[in-house]
Amino acid sequence: MRNHNIKKVFKIALILVVSSLFVYATSSTIIKMSHSVPLPSEINFAGEAVPTTDNDVSERLDREMVTNINYHSNTTLVLKRANKVFPIIEPILKANGIPDDFKYLAVIESSLVNAVSPAGARGVWQFMPTTAKEYGMEVSSEVDERYHLEKSTEAACKYLNDAYKKFRNWTLVAASYNGGMAGINRVLEAQQVTSYYDALFYEETGRYVFRILALKEIMKNAPKYGFDIPQKELYVNVSTKKLYIESSIEDLATFAIEQGTNYKTLKVLNPWLRDKKLAVASGKTYLIEVPE
């Protein structure tokens, strides 16, 4: 009986020791994961200063910085994808007179993938069907140009320029991409203010510009925030050639093989192709990319 009690006491002691080690290890991990740094002393969006001396503005920016610094998986993937996507987006923004900072709007909209929202918005720029058509994109069961990076970026530029004509302020333009031009205007008029930072919006729009600012700061200074990704690990675009398609394709899988590739690669390079075939109306031309 005595030996049995000794063994029982020993087991309990062993469990306590192991448990304490586990708690210590877990605590150490939590401490390491809780990565926070001081806010930048100055920050701007499209050259428009952010009033970080305002306590509320500072706290809201800090919230998005902390959230995205510690959202390691998504922020890491966004940094890798940016090496592939930004070189396509940047010259289109520039050619349309849109400040370069708007590429970070695409980041928070979709994490730079052809995302699909519960409401039905699609693509890197997250266009709804009606808005996409309004800005010149084709949306059908076979072709959905919301998935076409170049064309959807051109459409986004048209929207952003329209919004700038209304607000004459790029920060409000960015907010309107989430809240709508009419929605932003209603809030400003009701509250008798002219600045995004002085207005009280619903939470999503109220966080929107701060999320853009946070991703801009983190992505431009990635090593400072613990994201030191080697160049060789960044995603890259493959070399392609463009084929002018003026007649219908009955079977895209067969077409892909005829071009020396396969159906999967064809769809990866041309995500706007939404069916297994492509009907081409008279006088219509599509550009399809295939590996060079």
Protein backbone atom coordinates (compact mmCIF):
# COMPACT_ATOMS: atom_id res chain seq x y z
CA MET A 1 0.00 0.00 0.00
CA ARG A 2 2.83 2.38 0.91
CA ASN A 3 4.60 1.70 -2.40
CA HIS A 4 1.35 2.32 -4.22
CA ASN A 5 0.96 5.72 -2.52
CA ILE A 6 4.57 6.65 -3.35
CA LYS A 7 3.97 5.80 -7.01
CA LYS A 8 0.77 7.84 -7.00
CA VAL A 9 2.53 10.87 -5.49
CA PHE A 10 5.36 10.50 -8.02
CA LYS A 11 2.89 10.44 -10.93
CA ILE A 12 1.14 13.57 -9.66
CA ALA A 13 4.47 15.36 -9.26
CA LEU A 14 5.52 14.35 -12.76
CA ILE A 15 2.25 15.63 -14.21
CA LEU A 16 2.70 18.97 -12.42
CA VAL A 17 6.27 19.34 -13.70
CA VAL A 18 5.27 18.53 -17.29
CA SER A 19 2.26 20.86 -17.06
CA SER A 20 4.40 23.71 -15.80
CA LEU A 21 6.83 23.20 -18.67
CA PHE A 22 3.94 23.24 -21.14
CA VAL A 23 2.53 26.42 -19.65
CA TYR A 24 5.95 28.03 -19.75
CA ALA A 25 6.50 26.99 -23.34
CA THR A 26 3.06 28.22 -24.31
CA SER A 27 3.62 31.53 -22.55
CA SER A 28 6.97 31.92 -24.28
CA THR A 29 5.33 31.29 -27.63
CA ILE A 30 2.62 33.85 -26.93
CA ILE A 31 5.23 36.42 -25.98
CA LYS A 32 7.11 35.82 -29.21
CA MET A 33 3.94 35.98 -31.30
CA SER A 34 2.79 39.27 -29.74
CA HIS A 35 4.82 41.41 -32.08
CA SER A 36 4.22 45.14 -31.87
CA VAL A 37 6.24 48.18 -32.87
CA PRO A 38 5.80 51.94 -32.52
CA LEU A 39 3.68 53.65 -35.17
CA PRO A 40 5.55 55.55 -37.89
CA SER A 41 6.04 59.19 -36.93
CA GLU A 42 4.61 60.32 -40.29
CA ILE A 43 2.36 58.53 -42.74
CA ASN A 44 0.31 59.63 -45.71
CA PHE A 45 -2.08 58.25 -48.29
CA ALA A 46 -1.46 59.39 -51.87
CA GLY A 47 0.47 62.36 -50.49
CA GLU A 48 -2.35 63.36 -48.13
CA ALA A 49 -1.14 63.52 -44.53
CA VAL A 50 -2.74 61.33 -41.88
CA PRO A 51 -3.40 63.32 -38.66
CA THR A 52 -1.77 60.82 -36.29
CA THR A 53 -1.63 63.46 -33.54
CA ASP A 54 -5.39 62.89 -33.20
CA ASN A 55 -5.74 60.26 -30.48
CA ASP A 56 -8.60 58.41 -32.16
CA VAL A 57 -6.79 58.33 -35.51
CA SER A 58 -3.65 57.02 -33.84
CA GLU A 59 -5.54 54.23 -32.05
CA ARG A 60 -7.39 53.16 -35.18
CA LEU A 61 -4.17 53.01 -37.17
CA ASP A 62 -2.47 51.09 -34.39
CA ARG A 63 -5.30 48.54 -34.38
CA GLU A 64 -4.77 47.76 -38.07
CA MET A 65 -0.99 47.69 -37.71
CA VAL A 66 -1.13 45.23 -34.82
CA THR A 67 -3.74 43.10 -36.57
CA ASN A 68 -1.79 42.77 -39.81
CA ILE A 69 1.65 42.43 -38.25
CA ASN A 70 0.33 39.47 -36.27
CA TYR A 71 -1.71 38.03 -39.14
CA HIS A 72 1.47 36.31 -40.26
CA SER A 73 0.12 33.84 -42.82
CA ASN A 74 -1.92 36.35 -44.82
CA THR A 75 0.65 39.14 -44.70
CA THR A 76 3.40 36.74 -45.80
CA LEU A 77 1.31 35.52 -48.73
CA VAL A 78 0.39 39.08 -49.74
CA LEU A 79 4.06 40.05 -49.82
CA LYS A 80 4.85 37.04 -52.02
CA ARG A 81 1.94 37.74 -54.38
CA ALA A 82 2.78 41.44 -54.66
CA ASN A 83 5.98 40.57 -56.51
CA LYS A 84 3.77 38.99 -59.17
CA VAL A 85 0.77 41.36 -59.19
CA PHE A 86 2.18 44.84 -58.54
CA PRO A 87 4.26 44.98 -61.76
CA ILE A 88 0.99 44.58 -63.68
CA ILE A 89 -1.08 46.99 -61.58
CA GLU A 90 1.45 49.81 -61.13
CA PRO A 91 1.87 50.95 -64.76
CA ILE A 92 -1.91 50.90 -65.30
CA LEU A 93 -2.48 53.10 -62.24
CA LYS A 94 0.23 55.49 -63.43
CA ALA A 95 -1.10 55.67 -66.99
CA ASN A 96 -4.53 56.61 -65.62
CA GLY A 97 -3.25 59.26 -63.21
CA ILE A 98 -4.08 57.21 -60.12
CA PRO A 99 -1.63 57.46 -57.17
CA ASP A 100 0.50 54.37 -56.66
CA ASP A 101 -0.86 53.93 -53.13
CA PHE A 102 -4.09 52.54 -54.57
CA LYS A 103 -2.37 49.23 -55.20
CA TYR A 104 -2.69 48.69 -51.45
CA LEU A 105 -6.46 49.11 -51.82
CA ALA A 106 -6.35 46.02 -54.03
CA VAL A 107 -4.42 44.26 -51.27
CA ILE A 108 -7.11 44.78 -48.65
CA GLU A 109 -9.92 44.06 -51.11
CA SER A 110 -8.72 40.61 -52.14
CA SER A 111 -5.26 39.81 -50.73
CA LEU A 112 -4.24 39.97 -54.43
CA VAL A 113 -6.14 36.86 -55.51
CA ASN A 114 -9.31 36.41 -57.54
CA ALA A 115 -11.47 36.34 -54.45
CA VAL A 116 -15.24 35.82 -54.35
CA SER A 117 -17.21 37.67 -51.68
CA PRO A 118 -20.47 36.40 -50.13
CA ALA A 119 -22.23 39.33 -51.83
CA GLY A 120 -20.96 38.30 -55.27
CA ALA A 121 -18.03 40.67 -55.78
CA ARG A 122 -15.19 39.00 -57.67
CA GLY A 123 -11.60 39.45 -58.73
CA VAL A 124 -8.62 41.30 -57.33
CA TRP A 125 -10.60 44.57 -57.38
CA GLN A 126 -13.84 42.98 -56.11
CA PHE A 127 -16.35 44.30 -58.61
CA MET A 128 -20.04 43.49 -58.36
CA PRO A 129 -21.59 42.40 -61.69
CA THR A 130 -23.58 45.60 -62.31
CA THR A 131 -20.66 47.90 -61.53
CA ALA A 132 -18.31 45.78 -63.64
CA LYS A 133 -20.58 46.14 -66.67
CA GLU A 134 -21.01 49.86 -65.98
CA TYR A 135 -17.24 50.27 -66.23
CA GLY A 136 -16.87 48.31 -69.44
CA MET A 137 -16.20 44.74 -68.38
CA GLU A 138 -17.85 41.70 -69.90
CA VAL A 139 -19.58 39.47 -67.37
CA SER A 140 -21.20 36.26 -68.64
CA SER A 141 -21.18 32.51 -68.03
CA GLU A 142 -18.21 32.10 -70.41
CA VAL A 143 -16.28 35.33 -69.88
CA ASP A 144 -15.94 37.27 -66.64
CA GLU A 145 -13.45 40.09 -66.98
CA ARG A 146 -13.56 40.82 -63.27
CA TYR A 147 -10.99 38.00 -63.19
CA HIS A 148 -8.88 39.74 -65.84
CA LEU A 149 -6.23 41.66 -63.90
CA GLU A 150 -5.40 44.24 -66.55
CA LYS A 151 -9.01 44.96 -67.54
CA SER A 152 -10.31 45.04 -63.98
CA THR A 153 -7.49 47.42 -63.01
CA GLU A 154 -8.44 49.70 -65.91
CA ALA A 155 -12.05 49.60 -64.70
CA ALA A 156 -10.98 50.38 -61.13
CA CYS A 157 -9.05 53.39 -62.43
CA LYS A 158 -12.17 54.69 -64.18
CA TYR A 159 -14.13 54.43 -60.94
CA LEU A 160 -11.37 56.08 -58.91
CA ASN A 161 -11.09 58.97 -61.37
CA ASP A 162 -14.88 59.44 -61.29
CA ALA A 163 -14.76 59.53 -57.50
CA TYR A 164 -11.90 62.04 -57.54
CA LYS A 165 -13.92 64.38 -59.74
CA LYS A 166 -16.54 64.34 -56.99
CA PHE A 167 -14.39 64.57 -53.86
CA ARG A 168 -11.09 66.11 -55.03
CA ASN A 169 -9.48 64.14 -52.23
CA TRP A 170 -7.80 60.74 -52.66
CA THR A 171 -8.49 59.58 -49.11
CA LEU A 172 -12.23 60.04 -49.61
CA VAL A 173 -11.91 58.34 -53.00
CA ALA A 174 -10.42 55.30 -51.28
CA ALA A 175 -13.17 55.28 -48.65
CA SER A 176 -15.80 55.49 -51.39
CA TYR A 177 -14.52 52.25 -52.91
CA ASN A 178 -15.98 50.62 -49.82
CA GLY A 179 -18.82 52.94 -48.82
CA GLY A 180 -19.88 54.18 -52.24
CA MET A 181 -19.71 57.77 -53.45
CA ALA A 182 -23.26 58.56 -52.37
CA GLY A 183 -22.76 56.86 -49.00
CA ILE A 184 -19.61 58.81 -48.19
CA ASN A 185 -21.22 62.06 -49.28
CA ARG A 186 -24.27 61.47 -47.07
CA VAL A 187 -22.09 60.94 -43.99
CA LEU A 188 -19.98 64.05 -44.64
CA GLU A 189 -23.05 66.23 -45.17
CA ALA A 190 -24.93 64.85 -42.16
CA GLN A 191 -21.97 65.36 -39.84
CA GLN A 192 -20.91 68.67 -41.44
CA VAL A 193 -17.30 67.63 -41.96
CA THR A 194 -15.05 67.36 -45.03
CA SER A 195 -12.34 64.93 -43.88
CA TYR A 196 -12.47 61.14 -43.68
CA TYR A 197 -10.63 61.34 -40.35
CA ASP A 198 -13.27 63.67 -38.85
CA ALA A 199 -16.25 61.53 -39.84
CA LEU A 200 -17.90 58.66 -37.99
CA PHE A 201 -18.63 55.82 -40.43
CA TYR A 202 -19.99 52.32 -40.02
CA GLU A 203 -17.19 50.04 -38.82
CA GLU A 204 -16.18 48.55 -42.17
CA THR A 205 -15.77 51.92 -43.89
CA GLY A 206 -14.34 53.41 -40.71
CA ARG A 207 -11.55 50.82 -40.74
CA TYR A 208 -11.09 50.76 -44.50
CA VAL A 209 -8.50 53.50 -45.09
CA PHE A 210 -6.61 52.53 -41.94
CA ARG A 211 -6.28 48.98 -43.27
CA ILE A 212 -4.84 50.39 -46.49
CA LEU A 213 -2.41 52.55 -44.52
CA ALA A 214 -1.31 49.61 -42.37
CA LEU A 215 -0.64 47.33 -45.34
CA LYS A 216 1.20 50.11 -47.14
CA GLU A 217 3.48 50.70 -44.15
CA ILE A 218 4.11 47.00 -43.51
CA MET A 219 4.68 46.06 -47.15
CA LYS A 220 7.02 48.99 -47.83
CA ASN A 221 9.06 48.21 -44.71
CA ALA A 222 8.59 44.46 -44.45
CA PRO A 223 11.87 43.53 -42.65
CA LYS A 224 11.18 46.18 -40.00
CA TYR A 225 7.97 44.35 -39.11
CA GLY A 226 9.43 40.85 -39.13
CA PHE A 227 8.68 39.86 -42.74
CA ASP A 228 12.12 39.35 -44.26
CA ILE A 229 11.25 37.12 -47.22
CA PRO A 230 14.12 36.08 -49.54
CA GLN A 231 13.72 37.16 -53.15
CA LYS A 232 13.77 33.57 -54.35
CA GLU A 233 10.61 32.83 -52.31
CA LEU A 234 8.54 35.59 -53.93
CA TYR A 235 6.01 34.58 -56.58
CA VAL A 236 6.80 35.40 -60.20
CA ASN A 237 4.97 35.62 -63.51
CA VAL A 238 5.86 33.13 -66.22
CA SER A 239 6.73 34.29 -69.72
CA THR A 240 3.69 34.20 -72.00
CA LYS A 241 2.62 35.08 -75.49
CA LYS A 242 -0.80 36.46 -76.46
CA LEU A 243 -2.98 34.86 -79.08
CA TYR A 244 -5.64 36.87 -80.90
CA ILE A 245 -8.82 34.78 -80.92
CA GLU A 246 -11.45 35.82 -83.47
CA SER A 247 -13.42 32.59 -83.79
CA SER A 248 -15.14 30.33 -81.28
CA ILE A 249 -13.29 27.59 -79.42
CA GLU A 250 -15.44 24.52 -78.86
CA ASP A 251 -13.13 22.80 -76.38
CA LEU A 252 -10.56 24.76 -74.40
CA ALA A 253 -8.80 21.57 -73.27
CA THR A 254 -8.14 20.57 -76.88
CA PHE A 255 -7.17 24.16 -77.72
CA ALA A 256 -4.66 24.19 -74.82
CA ILE A 257 -2.99 20.98 -76.00
CA GLU A 258 -2.75 22.38 -79.52
CA GLN A 259 -0.86 25.34 -78.05
CA GLY A 260 1.62 23.06 -76.29
CA THR A 261 0.15 23.45 -72.82
CA ASN A 262 -2.78 22.01 -70.81
CA TYR A 263 -6.22 23.05 -69.61
CA LYS A 264 -5.08 23.85 -66.05
CA THR A 265 -2.30 26.17 -67.21
CA LEU A 266 -4.62 27.86 -69.69
CA LYS A 267 -7.13 28.60 -66.93
CA VAL A 268 -4.45 29.76 -64.50
CA LEU A 269 -3.11 32.23 -67.06
CA ASN A 270 -6.61 33.28 -68.18
CA PRO A 271 -8.90 33.05 -65.13
CA TRP A 272 -11.48 35.20 -66.94
CA LEU A 273 -12.33 32.15 -69.07
CA ARG A 274 -15.17 30.71 -66.98
CA ASP A 275 -16.36 27.78 -69.11
CA LYS A 276 -14.90 24.84 -71.02
CA LYS A 277 -15.53 26.64 -74.31
CA LEU A 278 -15.43 30.18 -75.68
CA ALA A 279 -18.05 31.60 -78.03
CA VAL A 280 -16.72 34.53 -80.06
CA ALA A 281 -19.29 36.85 -81.61
CA SER A 282 -18.72 38.31 -85.06
CA GLY A 283 -16.29 41.21 -84.90
CA LYS A 284 -15.18 40.33 -81.36
CA THR A 285 -11.55 39.55 -80.48
CA TYR A 286 -10.13 38.05 -77.30
CA LEU A 287 -6.51 37.87 -76.21
CA ILE A 288 -5.58 34.55 -74.63
CA GLU A 289 -2.22 34.03 -72.92
CA VAL A 290 -0.28 30.78 -73.26
CA PRO A 291 3.24 29.89 -72.10
CA GLU A 292 5.90 31.30 -74.37
